[in-house]
């Protein structure tokens, strides 16, 4: 369900029921991308359950699903069609088009091709954990996470959140685990990434390696900065944590609940997967708080 975990602390009020949250999200429901629109986005029922609520509250957390639809119009297609228009302009006007004329022709070309282009959809999950006032977004980049947050802001009269930070740096914790410490539920995985402190483009990556090998550890001892580390958490989840505390490549050791569930009920599959995820994330945050001195700027 979630391959990436980006954490944000929500400092504004959150609805106290599934019905109330669904009503708020209904301000911006998903609707297909219009003929002359490049992109549209809105909320839809988690798991694509027909006529279902726009959120799913379970295990002290809310599950949200954002659908973004965009038109696929390759730059090469515009370029080819524009060349034909420029040739036609030269033939008709007996002169070279100015830069302003080329820009106008390009805009005309784009507007003509856009309604004929294909559309693609992308779905993004987020969950809100009530006990920590924490928004968790499944996004591989900060740009995608901010896009989802922007869609939330269009629904709420007031919505404020900030990236989750701790009093101590996650980088120090990762270095300790890498060099042999095994704090709380963390143990060393089989992937890491390092960066030369003097040359940012100089990067070393190990995947599916035994990281206790002295030749690998020596790079950090000699001054390279560990930026990403694969860990096993609580003996149930493999993931990679970076120096900012962003989690990626989430995979449950026993397999996702949705992959093992025999029921044909899609909501049952969704619920089982969500309970597994939120339980692990809640324990992960609790352990990180203990190890990193709590949340920064906490009230």
Foldseek 3Di string as FASTA:
>chain_A
DFQWWFKKAWDDDDDPDLVVNLVLQVLFADDDADLQGFKHKGFAPVLNDPPDGQWDDDPQKIKHKMKMKGFDDDPVNLVVVLVVVQVVCCVVVVDGDDPVVSVVSSVVSCRVCRSVTDMDMDMWMWMARVVRSMIITRDPDVVVVVVVVVSSPSRDPDIDIDGWAFQAWVQVVQLCQLQPDAPDFKHFDFWWKWAAPVDRVDIDITGRHDSNPPVNNVVVVVPIGTFKGWIQGNVFWIWIAGRRGIIGRIATPVGAQLVVDPDPDSVVSVNRRVNVVVVRVVVVQVRCCVVRVHIPPDD
